[in-house]
Amino acid sequence: MANIKSAKKRILVNAKKAERNKAIKSKVKTMIKKVEAAILAEDKELAKANLTIAISEIDKACSKGVIHKNTAARKVSRLTKKVNNLA
């Protein structure tokens, strides 16, 4: 355990930030799963609706610095490609 006051504070701040990042990442993963579930069900309208929500969540995570911009772009690209390939 840390003895110095600033080190104790860093531990608390890092724990709080880790919780926040975990929640944001979890939400992104959930939205991606919803889109992929709609794709498996071959429901194009639901997939498109969920895609817009997922893209929004991914962009929010990127802007908050939780995920890298290239990672965000890759996730959006792959999801969009899957939705567009639905017959």
C-alpha atoms as a PDB file:
ATOM      1  CA  MET A   1       0.000   0.000   0.000  1.00  0.00           C
ATOM      2  CA  ALA A   2       1.171   3.494  -0.820  1.00  0.00           C
ATOM      3  CA  ASN A   3       2.284   5.812   1.979  1.00  0.00           C
ATOM      4  CA  ILE A   4       2.569   9.073   0.056  1.00  0.00           C
ATOM      5  CA  LYS A   5      -0.592  11.149  -0.236  1.00  0.00           C
ATOM      6  CA  SER A   6      -0.275  11.719  -4.004  1.00  0.00           C
ATOM      7  CA  ALA A   7       0.289   7.992  -4.598  1.00  0.00           C
ATOM      8  CA  LYS A   8      -2.868   7.182  -2.605  1.00  0.00           C
ATOM      9  CA  LYS A   9      -4.794   9.670  -4.717  1.00  0.00           C
ATOM     10  CA  ARG A  10      -3.429   8.171  -7.954  1.00  0.00           C
ATOM     11  CA  ILE A  11      -4.658   4.738  -6.851  1.00  0.00           C
ATOM     12  CA  LEU A  12      -8.169   6.107  -6.253  1.00  0.00           C
ATOM     13  CA  VAL A  13      -8.234   8.103  -9.494  1.00  0.00           C
ATOM     14  CA  ASN A  14      -6.948   5.157 -11.540  1.00  0.00           C
ATOM     15  CA  ALA A  15      -9.571   2.860 -10.029  1.00  0.00           C
ATOM     16  CA  LYS A  16     -12.326   5.341 -10.894  1.00  0.00           C
ATOM     17  CA  LYS A  17     -11.067   5.737 -14.468  1.00  0.00           C
ATOM     18  CA  ALA A  18     -10.736   1.961 -14.880  1.00  0.00           C
ATOM     19  CA  GLU A  19     -14.389   1.529 -13.809  1.00  0.00           C
ATOM     20  CA  ARG A  20     -15.509   4.187 -16.294  1.00  0.00           C
ATOM     21  CA  ASN A  21     -13.490   2.657 -19.146  1.00  0.00           C
ATOM     22  CA  LYS A  22     -14.798  -0.811 -18.310  1.00  0.00           C
ATOM     23  CA  ALA A  23     -18.410   0.399 -18.488  1.00  0.00           C
ATOM     24  CA  ILE A  24     -17.854   2.150 -21.811  1.00  0.00           C
ATOM     25  CA  LYS A  25     -16.078  -0.856 -23.359  1.00  0.00           C
ATOM     26  CA  SER A  26     -18.853  -3.133 -22.118  1.00  0.00           C
ATOM     27  CA  LYS A  27     -21.506  -0.936 -23.738  1.00  0.00           C
ATOM     28  CA  VAL A  28     -19.610  -0.935 -27.049  1.00  0.00           C
ATOM     29  CA  LYS A  29     -19.347  -4.745 -26.980  1.00  0.00           C
ATOM     30  CA  THR A  30     -23.067  -5.076 -26.193  1.00  0.00           C
ATOM     31  CA  MET A  31     -24.038  -2.850 -29.117  1.00  0.00           C
ATOM     32  CA  ILE A  32     -21.759  -4.795 -31.475  1.00  0.00           C
ATOM     33  CA  LYS A  33     -23.360  -8.055 -30.306  1.00  0.00           C
ATOM     34  CA  LYS A  34     -26.841  -6.620 -30.988  1.00  0.00           C
ATOM     35  CA  VAL A  35     -25.856  -5.747 -34.555  1.00  0.00           C
ATOM     36  CA  GLU A  36     -24.306  -9.181 -35.122  1.00  0.00           C
ATOM     37  CA  ALA A  37     -27.412 -10.891 -33.688  1.00  0.00           C
ATOM     38  CA  ALA A  38     -29.596  -8.967 -36.146  1.00  0.00           C
ATOM     39  CA  ILE A  39     -27.241  -9.981 -38.975  1.00  0.00           C
ATOM     40  CA  LEU A  40     -27.510 -13.658 -37.992  1.00  0.00           C
ATOM     41  CA  ALA A  41     -31.303 -13.315 -37.917  1.00  0.00           C
ATOM     42  CA  GLU A  42     -31.015 -11.692 -41.373  1.00  0.00           C
ATOM     43  CA  ASP A  43     -33.134  -8.734 -40.248  1.00  0.00           C
ATOM     44  CA  LYS A  44     -31.703  -5.902 -42.337  1.00  0.00           C
ATOM     45  CA  GLU A  45     -33.872  -3.125 -40.855  1.00  0.00           C
ATOM     46  CA  LEU A  46     -33.008  -4.059 -37.262  1.00  0.00           C
ATOM     47  CA  ALA A  47     -29.350  -4.459 -38.211  1.00  0.00           C
ATOM     48  CA  LYS A  48     -29.275  -0.970 -39.745  1.00  0.00           C
ATOM     49  CA  ALA A  49     -31.022   0.550 -36.724  1.00  0.00           C
ATOM     50  CA  ASN A  50     -28.625  -1.159 -34.316  1.00  0.00           C
ATOM     51  CA  LEU A  51     -25.663  -0.220 -36.523  1.00  0.00           C
ATOM     52  CA  THR A  52     -26.315   3.502 -36.115  1.00  0.00           C
ATOM     53  CA  ILE A  53     -26.521   3.087 -32.334  1.00  0.00           C
ATOM     54  CA  ALA A  54     -23.341   0.978 -32.282  1.00  0.00           C
ATOM     55  CA  ILE A  55     -21.437   3.503 -34.412  1.00  0.00           C
ATOM     56  CA  SER A  56     -22.526   6.262 -32.031  1.00  0.00           C
ATOM     57  CA  GLU A  57     -21.293   4.301 -28.992  1.00  0.00           C
ATOM     58  CA  ILE A  58     -17.987   3.448 -30.703  1.00  0.00           C
ATOM     59  CA  ASP A  59     -17.432   7.111 -31.604  1.00  0.00           C
ATOM     60  CA  LYS A  60     -18.190   8.179 -28.015  1.00  0.00           C
ATOM     61  CA  ALA A  61     -15.668   5.651 -26.683  1.00  0.00           C
ATOM     62  CA  CYS A  62     -13.097   6.937 -29.184  1.00  0.00           C
ATOM     63  CA  SER A  63     -13.666  10.594 -28.295  1.00  0.00           C
ATOM     64  CA  LYS A  64     -13.292   9.805 -24.578  1.00  0.00           C
ATOM     65  CA  GLY A  65      -9.985   8.073 -25.254  1.00  0.00           C
ATOM     66  CA  VAL A  66     -11.192   4.636 -24.181  1.00  0.00           C
ATOM     67  CA  ILE A  67     -10.372   3.085 -27.551  1.00  0.00           C
ATOM     68  CA  HIS A  68      -7.912   4.240 -30.221  1.00  0.00           C
ATOM     69  CA  LYS A  69      -9.283   6.020 -33.293  1.00  0.00           C
ATOM     70  CA  ASN A  70      -7.980   3.315 -35.621  1.00  0.00           C
ATOM     71  CA  THR A  71      -9.628   0.614 -33.525  1.00  0.00           C
ATOM     72  CA  ALA A  72     -12.895   2.552 -33.648  1.00  0.00           C
ATOM     73  CA  ALA A  73     -12.618   2.981 -37.424  1.00  0.00           C
ATOM     74  CA  ARG A  74     -11.874  -0.732 -37.873  1.00  0.00           C
ATOM     75  CA  LYS A  75     -14.861  -1.803 -35.769  1.00  0.00           C
ATOM     76  CA  VAL A  76     -17.212   0.572 -37.620  1.00  0.00           C
ATOM     77  CA  SER A  77     -15.877  -0.539 -40.993  1.00  0.00           C
ATOM     78  CA  ARG A  78     -16.276  -4.254 -40.279  1.00  0.00           C
ATOM     79  CA  LEU A  79     -19.786  -3.852 -38.866  1.00  0.00           C
ATOM     80  CA  THR A  80     -20.911  -1.676 -41.781  1.00  0.00           C
ATOM     81  CA  LYS A  81     -19.474  -4.187 -44.249  1.00  0.00           C
ATOM     82  CA  LYS A  82     -21.387  -7.045 -42.590  1.00  0.00           C
ATOM     83  CA  VAL A  83     -24.679  -5.103 -42.631  1.00  0.00           C
ATOM     84  CA  ASN A  84     -24.206  -4.073 -46.266  1.00  0.00           C
ATOM     85  CA  ASN A  85     -23.534  -7.681 -47.294  1.00  0.00           C
ATOM     86  CA  LEU A  86     -27.012  -8.752 -46.088  1.00  0.00           C
ATOM     87  CA  ALA A  87     -29.065  -9.777 -49.103  1.00  0.00           C
END
